[in-house]
Structures are given as structure tokens and as C-alpha cells.
Amino acid sequence: ELRRRQAVVREAAAAAGLPAARAREAVTARALGAAGTALLIAPCQ
């Protein structure tokens, strides 16, 4: 029963676009990390 319920939620999540939203969040998280690193290594004038 748990596997059945998990499958229903997985299918609903996929239909709602959750995997794409997670991928967008991961991309923006990496970009945020890179921007933070760029700021910290930028030379102070």
C-alpha cells in the first residue's frame, strides 16, 4: 500500500512539473554559489 501511495504521489509530482522545478532550483543554487565565490575572490579596491 505504501508503494502504491508513493507511486501516486510521484506521478502527481511529475505531472505538476516538480522534477523540472527541482532542476531549476539546483541550477540557481549552483549559480548563487558561484556568484558568492566570485564576490569573495574579487579584488578590493
PDB file of all heavy atoms in Angstrom:
ATOM      1  N   GLU A   1       0.838  -1.208   0.000  1.00  0.00           N
ATOM      2  CA  GLU A   1       0.000   0.000   0.000  1.00  0.00           C
ATOM      3  C   GLU A   1       0.874   1.259   0.000  1.00  0.00           C
ATOM      4  O   GLU A   1       0.571   2.236  -0.699  1.00  0.00           O
ATOM      5  CB  GLU A   1      -0.941   0.003   1.212  1.00  0.00           C
ATOM      6  CG  GLU A   1      -1.782   1.256   1.359  1.00  0.00           C
ATOM      7  CD  GLU A   1      -2.714   1.530   0.186  1.00  0.00           C
ATOM      8  OE1 GLU A   1      -2.987   0.624  -0.622  1.00  0.00           O
ATOM      9  OE2 GLU A   1      -3.169   2.682   0.068  1.00  0.00           O
ATOM     10  N   LEU A   2       1.943   1.237   0.762  1.00  0.00           N
ATOM     11  CA  LEU A   2       2.860   2.383   0.790  1.00  0.00           C
ATOM     12  C   LEU A   2       3.466   2.603  -0.601  1.00  0.00           C
ATOM     13  O   LEU A   2       3.512   3.743  -1.082  1.00  0.00           O
ATOM     14  CB  LEU A   2       3.974   2.166   1.820  1.00  0.00           C
ATOM     15  CG  LEU A   2       5.039   3.260   1.886  1.00  0.00           C
ATOM     16  CD1 LEU A   2       4.422   4.602   2.282  1.00  0.00           C
ATOM     17  CD2 LEU A   2       6.136   2.869   2.863  1.00  0.00           C
ATOM     18  N   ARG A   3       3.899   1.554  -1.269  1.00  0.00           N
ATOM     19  CA  ARG A   3       4.466   1.687  -2.623  1.00  0.00           C
ATOM     20  C   ARG A   3       3.422   2.265  -3.579  1.00  0.00           C
ATOM     21  O   ARG A   3       3.743   3.111  -4.422  1.00  0.00           O
ATOM     22  CB  ARG A   3       4.958   0.327  -3.131  1.00  0.00           C
ATOM     23  CG  ARG A   3       6.302  -0.078  -2.563  1.00  0.00           C
ATOM     24  CD  ARG A   3       6.885  -1.283  -3.294  1.00  0.00           C
ATOM     25  NE  ARG A   3       6.053  -2.472  -3.234  1.00  0.00           N
ATOM     26  CZ  ARG A   3       6.063  -3.357  -2.243  1.00  0.00           C
ATOM     27  NH1 ARG A   3       6.885  -3.205  -1.215  1.00  0.00           N
ATOM     28  NH2 ARG A   3       5.261  -4.404  -2.265  1.00  0.00           N
ATOM     29  N   ARG A   4       2.167   1.814  -3.452  1.00  0.00           N
ATOM     30  CA  ARG A   4       1.094   2.336  -4.305  1.00  0.00           C
ATOM     31  C   ARG A   4       0.907   3.834  -4.066  1.00  0.00           C
ATOM     32  O   ARG A   4       0.832   4.625  -5.012  1.00  0.00           O
ATOM     33  CB  ARG A   4      -0.223   1.587  -4.042  1.00  0.00           C
ATOM     34  CG  ARG A   4      -1.351   1.973  -5.003  1.00  0.00           C
ATOM     35  CD  ARG A   4      -2.714   1.503  -4.526  1.00  0.00           C
ATOM     36  NE  ARG A   4      -3.175   2.167  -3.316  1.00  0.00           N
ATOM     37  CZ  ARG A   4      -3.611   3.442  -3.263  1.00  0.00           C
ATOM     38  NH1 ARG A   4      -3.623   4.184  -4.330  1.00  0.00           N
ATOM     39  NH2 ARG A   4      -4.037   3.963  -2.129  1.00  0.00           N
ATOM     40  N   ARG A   5       0.849   4.242  -2.799  1.00  0.00           N
ATOM     41  CA  ARG A   5       0.666   5.663  -2.473  1.00  0.00           C
ATOM     42  C   ARG A   5       1.860   6.505  -2.938  1.00  0.00           C
ATOM     43  O   ARG A   5       1.694   7.617  -3.430  1.00  0.00           O
ATOM     44  CB  ARG A   5       0.454   5.842  -0.968  1.00  0.00           C
ATOM     45  CG  ARG A   5      -0.884   5.306  -0.491  1.00  0.00           C
ATOM     46  CD  ARG A   5      -1.077   5.491   0.989  1.00  0.00           C
ATOM     47  NE  ARG A   5      -2.316   4.866   1.431  1.00  0.00           N
ATOM     48  CZ  ARG A   5      -2.846   5.054   2.617  1.00  0.00           C
ATOM     49  NH1 ARG A   5      -2.254   5.835   3.506  1.00  0.00           N
ATOM     50  NH2 ARG A   5      -3.977   4.449   2.944  1.00  0.00           N
ATOM     51  N   GLN A   6       3.054   5.957  -2.789  1.00  0.00           N
ATOM     52  CA  GLN A   6       4.241   6.675  -3.251  1.00  0.00           C
ATOM     53  C   GLN A   6       4.216   6.851  -4.767  1.00  0.00           C
ATOM     54  O   GLN A   6       4.597   7.904  -5.286  1.00  0.00           O
ATOM     55  CB  GLN A   6       5.518   5.940  -2.816  1.00  0.00           C
ATOM     56  CG  GLN A   6       5.783   6.045  -1.337  1.00  0.00           C
ATOM     57  CD  GLN A   6       6.919   5.145  -0.861  1.00  0.00           C
ATOM     58  OE1 GLN A   6       7.214   4.113  -1.483  1.00  0.00           O
ATOM     59  NE2 GLN A   6       7.550   5.526   0.238  1.00  0.00           N
ATOM     60  N   ALA A   7       3.746   5.828  -5.486  1.00  0.00           N
ATOM     61  CA  ALA A   7       3.659   5.919  -6.948  1.00  0.00           C
ATOM     62  C   ALA A   7       2.657   6.992  -7.363  1.00  0.00           C
ATOM     63  O   ALA A   7       2.902   7.754  -8.304  1.00  0.00           O
ATOM     64  CB  ALA A   7       3.273   4.562  -7.535  1.00  0.00           C
ATOM     65  N   VAL A   8       1.526   7.061  -6.666  1.00  0.00           N
ATOM     66  CA  VAL A   8       0.518   8.080  -6.966  1.00  0.00           C
ATOM     67  C   VAL A   8       1.113   9.482  -6.773  1.00  0.00           C
ATOM     68  O   VAL A   8       0.950  10.362  -7.633  1.00  0.00           O
ATOM     69  CB  VAL A   8      -0.739   7.886  -6.084  1.00  0.00           C
ATOM     70  CG1 VAL A   8      -1.653   9.101  -6.137  1.00  0.00           C
ATOM     71  CG2 VAL A   8      -1.492   6.628  -6.488  1.00  0.00           C
ATOM     72  N   VAL A   9       1.814   9.683  -5.676  1.00  0.00           N
ATOM     73  CA  VAL A   9       2.407  10.999  -5.405  1.00  0.00           C
ATOM     74  C   VAL A   9       3.512  11.302  -6.412  1.00  0.00           C
ATOM     75  O   VAL A   9       3.630  12.426  -6.892  1.00  0.00           O
ATOM     76  CB  VAL A   9       2.907  11.077  -3.946  1.00  0.00           C
ATOM     77  CG1 VAL A   9       3.717  12.343  -3.712  1.00  0.00           C
ATOM     78  CG2 VAL A   9       1.727  11.020  -2.983  1.00  0.00           C
ATOM     79  N   ARG A  10       4.331  10.308  -6.760  1.00  0.00           N
ATOM     80  CA  ARG A  10       5.388  10.514  -7.770  1.00  0.00           C
ATOM     81  C   ARG A  10       4.788  10.936  -9.111  1.00  0.00           C
ATOM     82  O   ARG A  10       5.282  11.851  -9.770  1.00  0.00           O
ATOM     83  CB  ARG A  10       6.210   9.238  -7.954  1.00  0.00           C
ATOM     84  CG  ARG A  10       7.523   9.244  -7.233  1.00  0.00           C
ATOM     85  CD  ARG A  10       8.446   8.114  -7.670  1.00  0.00           C
ATOM     86  NE  ARG A  10       7.839   6.805  -7.802  1.00  0.00           N
ATOM     87  CZ  ARG A  10       7.634   5.953  -6.799  1.00  0.00           C
ATOM     88  NH1 ARG A  10       8.008   6.263  -5.578  1.00  0.00           N
ATOM     89  NH2 ARG A  10       7.076   4.778  -7.019  1.00  0.00           N
ATOM     90  N   GLU A  11       3.720  10.252  -9.523  1.00  0.00           N
ATOM     91  CA  GLU A  11       3.059  10.589 -10.791  1.00  0.00           C
ATOM     92  C   GLU A  11       2.455  11.993 -10.738  1.00  0.00           C
ATOM     93  O   GLU A  11       2.568  12.760 -11.699  1.00  0.00           O
ATOM     94  CB  GLU A  11       1.982   9.558 -11.124  1.00  0.00           C
ATOM     95  CG  GLU A  11       2.539   8.203 -11.516  1.00  0.00           C
ATOM     96  CD  GLU A  11       1.471   7.126 -11.601  1.00  0.00           C
ATOM     97  OE1 GLU A  11       0.267   7.452 -11.574  1.00  0.00           O
ATOM     98  OE2 GLU A  11       1.850   5.942 -11.701  1.00  0.00           O
ATOM     99  N   ALA A  12       1.825  12.329  -9.624  1.00  0.00           N
ATOM    100  CA  ALA A  12       1.240  13.666  -9.476  1.00  0.00           C
ATOM    101  C   ALA A  12       2.337  14.733  -9.482  1.00  0.00           C
ATOM    102  O   ALA A  12       2.181  15.799 -10.084  1.00  0.00           O
ATOM    103  CB  ALA A  12       0.427  13.747  -8.178  1.00  0.00           C
ATOM    104  N   ALA A  13       3.454  14.439  -8.831  1.00  0.00           N
ATOM    105  CA  ALA A  13       4.574  15.389  -8.799  1.00  0.00           C
ATOM    106  C   ALA A  13       5.139  15.597 -10.204  1.00  0.00           C
ATOM    107  O   ALA A  13       5.421  16.730 -10.604  1.00  0.00           O
ATOM    108  CB  ALA A  13       5.660  14.885  -7.858  1.00  0.00           C
ATOM    109  N   ALA A  14       5.270  14.520 -10.955  1.00  0.00           N
ATOM    110  CA  ALA A  14       5.783  14.629 -12.322  1.00  0.00           C
ATOM    111  C   ALA A  14       4.812  15.425 -13.193  1.00  0.00           C
ATOM    112  O   ALA A  14       5.229  16.281 -13.977  1.00  0.00           O
ATOM    113  CB  ALA A  14       6.022  13.242 -12.908  1.00  0.00           C
ATOM    114  N   ALA A  15       3.518  15.154 -13.054  1.00  0.00           N
ATOM    115  CA  ALA A  15       2.515  15.871 -13.839  1.00  0.00           C
ATOM    116  C   ALA A  15       2.481  17.358 -13.485  1.00  0.00           C
ATOM    117  O   ALA A  15       2.219  18.196 -14.348  1.00  0.00           O
ATOM    118  CB  ALA A  15       1.138  15.246 -13.614  1.00  0.00           C
ATOM    119  N   ALA A  16       2.782  17.686 -12.231  1.00  0.00           N
ATOM    120  CA  ALA A  16       2.776  19.087 -11.794  1.00  0.00           C
ATOM    121  C   ALA A  16       4.052  19.822 -12.190  1.00  0.00           C
ATOM    122  O   ALA A  16       4.129  21.037 -12.052  1.00  0.00           O
ATOM    123  CB  ALA A  16       2.593  19.147 -10.276  1.00  0.00           C
ATOM    124  N   GLY A  17       5.047  19.096 -12.672  1.00  0.00           N
ATOM    125  CA  GLY A  17       6.295  19.738 -13.073  1.00  0.00           C
ATOM    126  C   GLY A  17       7.325  19.844 -11.971  1.00  0.00           C
ATOM    127  O   GLY A  17       8.266  20.632 -12.057  1.00  0.00           O
ATOM    128  N   LEU A  18       7.182  19.022 -10.941  1.00  0.00           N
ATOM    129  CA  LEU A  18       8.102  19.079  -9.809  1.00  0.00           C
ATOM    130  C   LEU A  18       9.549  18.733 -10.177  1.00  0.00           C
ATOM    131  O   LEU A  18      10.464  19.424  -9.718  1.00  0.00           O
ATOM    132  CB  LEU A  18       7.587  18.176  -8.692  1.00  0.00           C
ATOM    133  CG  LEU A  18       7.946  18.556  -7.268  1.00  0.00           C
ATOM    134  CD1 LEU A  18       7.569  19.983  -6.944  1.00  0.00           C
ATOM    135  CD2 LEU A  18       7.283  17.613  -6.295  1.00  0.00           C
ATOM    136  N   PRO A  19       9.801  17.719 -11.004  1.00  0.00           N
ATOM    137  CA  PRO A  19      11.202  17.439 -11.361  1.00  0.00           C
ATOM    138  C   PRO A  19      11.886  18.628 -12.057  1.00  0.00           C
ATOM    139  O   PRO A  19      13.032  18.950 -11.759  1.00  0.00           O
ATOM    140  CB  PRO A  19      11.109  16.227 -12.291  1.00  0.00           C
ATOM    141  CG  PRO A  19       9.836  15.543 -11.883  1.00  0.00           C
ATOM    142  CD  PRO A  19       8.912  16.668 -11.511  1.00  0.00           C
ATOM    143  N   ALA A  20      11.176  19.292 -12.952  1.00  0.00           N
ATOM    144  CA  ALA A  20      11.751  20.459 -13.635  1.00  0.00           C
ATOM    145  C   ALA A  20      11.989  21.598 -12.649  1.00  0.00           C
ATOM    146  O   ALA A  20      13.003  22.302 -12.726  1.00  0.00           O
ATOM    147  CB  ALA A  20      10.834  20.918 -14.766  1.00  0.00           C
ATOM    148  N   ALA A  21      11.069  21.776 -11.700  1.00  0.00           N
ATOM    149  CA  ALA A  21      11.236  22.834 -10.691  1.00  0.00           C
ATOM    150  C   ALA A  21      12.425  22.535  -9.786  1.00  0.00           C
ATOM    151  O   ALA A  21      13.176  23.444  -9.420  1.00  0.00           O
ATOM    152  CB  ALA A  21       9.953  22.976  -9.865  1.00  0.00           C
ATOM    153  N   ARG A  22      12.617  21.261  -9.439  1.00  0.00           N
ATOM    154  CA  ARG A  22      13.787  20.884  -8.639  1.00  0.00           C
ATOM    155  C   ARG A  22      15.077  21.135  -9.407  1.00  0.00           C
ATOM    156  O   ARG A  22      16.072  21.583  -8.845  1.00  0.00           O
ATOM    157  CB  ARG A  22      13.694  19.419  -8.205  1.00  0.00           C
ATOM    158  CG  ARG A  22      12.711  19.195  -7.094  1.00  0.00           C
ATOM    159  CD  ARG A  22      12.793  17.773  -6.544  1.00  0.00           C
ATOM    160  NE  ARG A  22      11.839  17.619  -5.468  1.00  0.00           N
ATOM    161  CZ  ARG A  22      10.907  16.670  -5.430  1.00  0.00           C
ATOM    162  NH1 ARG A  22      10.832  15.775  -6.397  1.00  0.00           N
ATOM    163  NH2 ARG A  22      10.070  16.607  -4.429  1.00  0.00           N
ATOM    164  N   ALA A  23      15.058  20.837 -10.690  1.00  0.00           N
ATOM    165  CA  ALA A  23      16.240  21.073 -11.528  1.00  0.00           C
ATOM    166  C   ALA A  23      16.535  22.569 -11.615  1.00  0.00           C
ATOM    167  O   ALA A  23      17.705  22.979 -11.521  1.00  0.00           O
ATOM    168  CB  ALA A  23      16.024  20.485 -12.920  1.00  0.00           C
ATOM    169  N   ARG A  24      15.497  23.409 -11.773  1.00  0.00           N
ATOM    170  CA  ARG A  24      15.695  24.870 -11.806  1.00  0.00           C
ATOM    171  C   ARG A  24      16.288  25.367 -10.500  1.00  0.00           C
ATOM    172  O   ARG A  24      17.198  26.194 -10.482  1.00  0.00           O
ATOM    173  CB  ARG A  24      14.360  25.587 -12.062  1.00  0.00           C
ATOM    174  CG  ARG A  24      14.002  25.754 -13.502  1.00  0.00           C
ATOM    175  CD  ARG A  24      12.820  26.701 -13.692  1.00  0.00           C
ATOM    176  NE  ARG A  24      11.625  26.319 -12.969  1.00  0.00           N
ATOM    177  CZ  ARG A  24      10.742  25.418 -13.391  1.00  0.00           C
ATOM    178  NH1 ARG A  24      10.919  24.797 -14.531  1.00  0.00           N
ATOM    179  NH2 ARG A  24       9.671  25.144 -12.679  1.00  0.00           N
ATOM    180  N   GLU A  25      15.775  24.836  -9.400  1.00  0.00           N
ATOM    181  CA  GLU A  25      16.291  25.246  -8.087  1.00  0.00           C
ATOM    182  C   GLU A  25      17.751  24.850  -7.946  1.00  0.00           C
ATOM    183  O   GLU A  25      18.563  25.625  -7.436  1.00  0.00           O
ATOM    184  CB  GLU A  25      15.447  24.621  -6.971  1.00  0.00           C
ATOM    185  CG  GLU A  25      15.786  25.102  -5.576  1.00  0.00           C
ATOM    186  CD  GLU A  25      16.953  24.355  -4.953  1.00  0.00           C
ATOM    187  OE1 GLU A  25      17.148  23.165  -5.277  1.00  0.00           O
ATOM    188  OE2 GLU A  25      17.679  24.968  -4.148  1.00  0.00           O
ATOM    189  N   ALA A  26      18.122  23.669  -8.406  1.00  0.00           N
ATOM    190  CA  ALA A  26      19.513  23.222  -8.314  1.00  0.00           C
ATOM    191  C   ALA A  26      20.427  24.093  -9.170  1.00  0.00           C
ATOM    192  O   ALA A  26      21.535  24.448  -8.747  1.00  0.00           O
ATOM    193  CB  ALA A  26      19.621  21.752  -8.738  1.00  0.00           C
ATOM    194  N   VAL A  27      19.966  24.455 -10.360  1.00  0.00           N
ATOM    195  CA  VAL A  27      20.769  25.317 -11.243  1.00  0.00           C
ATOM    196  C   VAL A  27      20.965  26.688 -10.595  1.00  0.00           C
ATOM    197  O   VAL A  27      22.081  27.229 -10.589  1.00  0.00           O
ATOM    198  CB  VAL A  27      20.104  25.446 -12.634  1.00  0.00           C
ATOM    199  CG1 VAL A  27      20.716  26.569 -13.448  1.00  0.00           C
ATOM    200  CG2 VAL A  27      20.201  24.126 -13.387  1.00  0.00           C
ATOM    201  N   THR A  28      19.894  27.245 -10.044  1.00  0.00           N
ATOM    202  CA  THR A  28      20.024  28.575  -9.428  1.00  0.00           C
ATOM    203  C   THR A  28      20.862  28.512  -8.147  1.00  0.00           C
ATOM    204  O   THR A  28      21.557  29.478  -7.829  1.00  0.00           O
ATOM    205  CB  THR A  28      18.655  29.217  -9.139  1.00  0.00           C
ATOM    206  OG1 THR A  28      17.911  28.392  -8.237  1.00  0.00           O
ATOM    207  CG2 THR A  28      17.860  29.442 -10.421  1.00  0.00           C
ATOM    208  N   ALA A  29      20.818  27.385  -7.437  1.00  0.00           N
ATOM    209  CA  ALA A  29      21.661  27.234  -6.243  1.00  0.00           C
ATOM    210  C   ALA A  29      23.137  27.217  -6.630  1.00  0.00           C
ATOM    211  O   ALA A  29      23.973  27.845  -5.962  1.00  0.00           O
ATOM    212  CB  ALA A  29      21.293  25.961  -5.486  1.00  0.00           C
ATOM    213  N   ARG A  30      23.459  26.510  -7.714  1.00  0.00           N
ATOM    214  CA  ARG A  30      24.857  26.495  -8.177  1.00  0.00           C
ATOM    215  C   ARG A  30      25.289  27.883  -8.640  1.00  0.00           C
ATOM    216  O   ARG A  30      26.410  28.321  -8.363  1.00  0.00           O
ATOM    217  CB  ARG A  30      25.035  25.461  -9.288  1.00  0.00           C
ATOM    218  CG  ARG A  30      25.063  24.030  -8.779  1.00  0.00           C
ATOM    219  CD  ARG A  30      25.500  23.043  -9.847  1.00  0.00           C
ATOM    220  NE  ARG A  30      24.601  22.983 -10.994  1.00  0.00           N
ATOM    221  CZ  ARG A  30      23.491  22.238 -11.038  1.00  0.00           C
ATOM    222  NH1 ARG A  30      23.148  21.491 -10.007  1.00  0.00           N
ATOM    223  NH2 ARG A  30      22.748  22.234 -12.113  1.00  0.00           N
ATOM    224  N   ALA A  31      24.407  28.590  -9.337  1.00  0.00           N
ATOM    225  CA  ALA A  31      24.731  29.944  -9.799  1.00  0.00           C
ATOM    226  C   ALA A  31      24.929  30.884  -8.614  1.00  0.00           C
ATOM    227  O   ALA A  31      25.829  31.737  -8.627  1.00  0.00           O
ATOM    228  CB  ALA A  31      23.622  30.474 -10.712  1.00  0.00           C
ATOM    229  N   LEU A  32      24.117  30.716  -7.577  1.00  0.00           N
ATOM    230  CA  LEU A  32      24.267  31.538  -6.374  1.00  0.00           C
ATOM    231  C   LEU A  32      25.603  31.257  -5.697  1.00  0.00           C
ATOM    232  O   LEU A  32      26.310  32.183  -5.283  1.00  0.00           O
ATOM    233  CB  LEU A  32      23.106  31.271  -5.412  1.00  0.00           C
ATOM    234  CG  LEU A  32      23.093  32.050  -4.109  1.00  0.00           C
ATOM    235  CD1 LEU A  32      23.093  33.551  -4.364  1.00  0.00           C
ATOM    236  CD2 LEU A  32      21.884  31.646  -3.272  1.00  0.00           C
ATOM    237  N   GLY A  33      25.969  29.994  -5.595  1.00  0.00           N
ATOM    238  CA  GLY A  33      27.258  29.643  -5.008  1.00  0.00           C
ATOM    239  C   GLY A  33      28.419  30.222  -5.806  1.00  0.00           C
ATOM    240  O   GLY A  33      29.390  30.738  -5.252  1.00  0.00           O
ATOM    241  N   ALA A  34      28.319  30.138  -7.135  1.00  0.00           N
ATOM    242  CA  ALA A  34      29.379  30.687  -7.992  1.00  0.00           C
ATOM    243  C   ALA A  34      29.467  32.202  -7.858  1.00  0.00           C
ATOM    244  O   ALA A  34      30.575  32.768  -7.818  1.00  0.00           O
ATOM    245  CB  ALA A  34      29.120  30.300  -9.447  1.00  0.00           C
ATOM    246  N   ALA A  35      28.320  32.870  -7.751  1.00  0.00           N
ATOM    247  CA  ALA A  35      28.320  34.326  -7.589  1.00  0.00           C
ATOM    248  C   ALA A  35      28.932  34.715  -6.246  1.00  0.00           C
ATOM    249  O   ALA A  35      29.669  35.708  -6.154  1.00  0.00           O
ATOM    250  CB  ALA A  35      26.894  34.880  -7.716  1.00  0.00           C
ATOM    251  N   GLY A  36      28.641  33.940  -5.206  1.00  0.00           N
ATOM    252  CA  GLY A  36      29.238  34.210  -3.893  1.00  0.00           C
ATOM    253  C   GLY A  36      30.740  34.034  -3.921  1.00  0.00           C
ATOM    254  O   GLY A  36      31.494  34.864  -3.380  1.00  0.00           O
ATOM    255  N   THR A  37      31.192  32.993  -4.579  1.00  0.00           N
ATOM    256  CA  THR A  37      32.635  32.763  -4.702  1.00  0.00           C
ATOM    257  C   THR A  37      33.289  33.888  -5.498  1.00  0.00           C
ATOM    258  O   THR A  37      34.355  34.396  -5.120  1.00  0.00           O
ATOM    259  CB  THR A  37      32.901  31.406  -5.384  1.00  0.00           C
ATOM    260  OG1 THR A  37      32.336  30.382  -4.562  1.00  0.00           O
ATOM    261  CG2 THR A  37      34.380  31.149  -5.567  1.00  0.00           C
ATOM    262  N   ALA A  38      32.638  34.300  -6.594  1.00  0.00           N
ATOM    263  CA  ALA A  38      33.186  35.389  -7.413  1.00  0.00           C
ATOM    264  C   ALA A  38      33.317  36.677  -6.602  1.00  0.00           C
ATOM    265  O   ALA A  38      34.308  37.401  -6.731  1.00  0.00           O
ATOM    266  CB  ALA A  38      32.306  35.615  -8.638  1.00  0.00           C
ATOM    267  N   LEU A  39      32.341  36.940  -5.749  1.00  0.00           N
ATOM    268  CA  LEU A  39      32.407  38.142  -4.915  1.00  0.00           C
ATOM    269  C   LEU A  39      33.574  38.053  -3.940  1.00  0.00           C
ATOM    270  O   LEU A  39      34.330  39.012  -3.771  1.00  0.00           O
ATOM    271  CB  LEU A  39      31.104  38.347  -4.146  1.00  0.00           C
ATOM    272  CG  LEU A  39      31.169  39.539  -3.193  1.00  0.00           C
ATOM    273  CD1 LEU A  39      30.411  40.707  -3.758  1.00  0.00           C
ATOM    274  CD2 LEU A  39      30.666  39.162  -1.838  1.00  0.00           C
ATOM    275  N   LEU A  40      33.737  36.900  -3.323  1.00  0.00           N
ATOM    276  CA  LEU A  40      34.786  36.768  -2.312  1.00  0.00           C
ATOM    277  C   LEU A  40      36.191  36.823  -2.904  1.00  0.00           C
ATOM    278  O   LEU A  40      37.125  37.253  -2.234  1.00  0.00           O
ATOM    279  CB  LEU A  40      34.583  35.494  -1.500  1.00  0.00           C
ATOM    280  CG  LEU A  40      33.346  35.521  -0.603  1.00  0.00           C
ATOM    281  CD1 LEU A  40      33.166  34.174   0.078  1.00  0.00           C
ATOM    282  CD2 LEU A  40      33.424  36.633   0.414  1.00  0.00           C
ATOM    283  N   ILE A  41      36.348  36.412  -4.154  1.00  0.00           N
ATOM    284  CA  ILE A  41      37.686  36.448  -4.743  1.00  0.00           C
ATOM    285  C   ILE A  41      37.931  37.712  -5.568  1.00  0.00           C
ATOM    286  O   ILE A  41      39.046  37.925  -6.046  1.00  0.00           O
ATOM    287  CB  ILE A  41      37.975  35.188  -5.590  1.00  0.00           C
ATOM    288  CG1 ILE A  41      37.046  35.089  -6.789  1.00  0.00           C
ATOM    289  CG2 ILE A  41      37.936  33.943  -4.737  1.00  0.00           C
ATOM    290  CD1 ILE A  41      37.390  33.962  -7.745  1.00  0.00           C
ATOM    291  N   ALA A  42      36.902  38.539  -5.728  1.00  0.00           N
ATOM    292  CA  ALA A  42      37.083  39.803  -6.448  1.00  0.00           C
ATOM    293  C   ALA A  42      38.046  40.694  -5.660  1.00  0.00           C
ATOM    294  O   ALA A  42      37.973  40.761  -4.435  1.00  0.00           O
ATOM    295  CB  ALA A  42      35.740  40.504  -6.635  1.00  0.00           C
ATOM    296  N   PRO A  43      38.946  41.382  -6.357  1.00  0.00           N
ATOM    297  CA  PRO A  43      39.920  42.221  -5.653  1.00  0.00           C
ATOM    298  C   PRO A  43      39.272  43.486  -5.075  1.00  0.00           C
ATOM    299  O   PRO A  43      38.485  44.147  -5.745  1.00  0.00           O
ATOM    300  CB  PRO A  43      40.936  42.579  -6.738  1.00  0.00           C
ATOM    301  CG  PRO A  43      40.189  42.444  -8.023  1.00  0.00           C
ATOM    302  CD  PRO A  43      39.164  41.373  -7.804  1.00  0.00           C
ATOM    303  N   CYS A  44      39.606  43.779  -3.833  1.00  0.00           N
ATOM    304  CA  CYS A  44      39.121  45.008  -3.187  1.00  0.00           C
ATOM    305  C   CYS A  44      39.933  46.198  -3.706  1.00  0.00           C
ATOM    306  O   CYS A  44      41.160  46.140  -3.769  1.00  0.00           O
ATOM    307  CB  CYS A  44      39.283  44.921  -1.670  1.00  0.00           C
ATOM    308  SG  CYS A  44      38.139  43.795  -0.887  1.00  0.00           S
ATOM    309  N   GLN A  45      39.217  47.256  -4.060  1.00  0.00           N
ATOM    310  CA  GLN A  45      39.888  48.470  -4.500  1.00  0.00           C
ATOM    311  C   GLN A  45      39.636  49.631  -3.554  1.00  0.00           C
ATOM    312  O   GLN A  45      40.310  50.644  -3.627  1.00  0.00           O
ATOM    313  CB  GLN A  45      39.439  48.834  -5.916  1.00  0.00           C
ATOM    314  CG  GLN A  45      39.865  47.804  -6.938  1.00  0.00           C
ATOM    315  CD  GLN A  45      39.395  48.142  -8.339  1.00  0.00           C
ATOM    316  OE1 GLN A  45      38.504  48.961  -8.543  1.00  0.00           O
ATOM    317  NE2 GLN A  45      40.000  47.489  -9.321  1.00  0.00           N
TER     318      GLN A  45
END
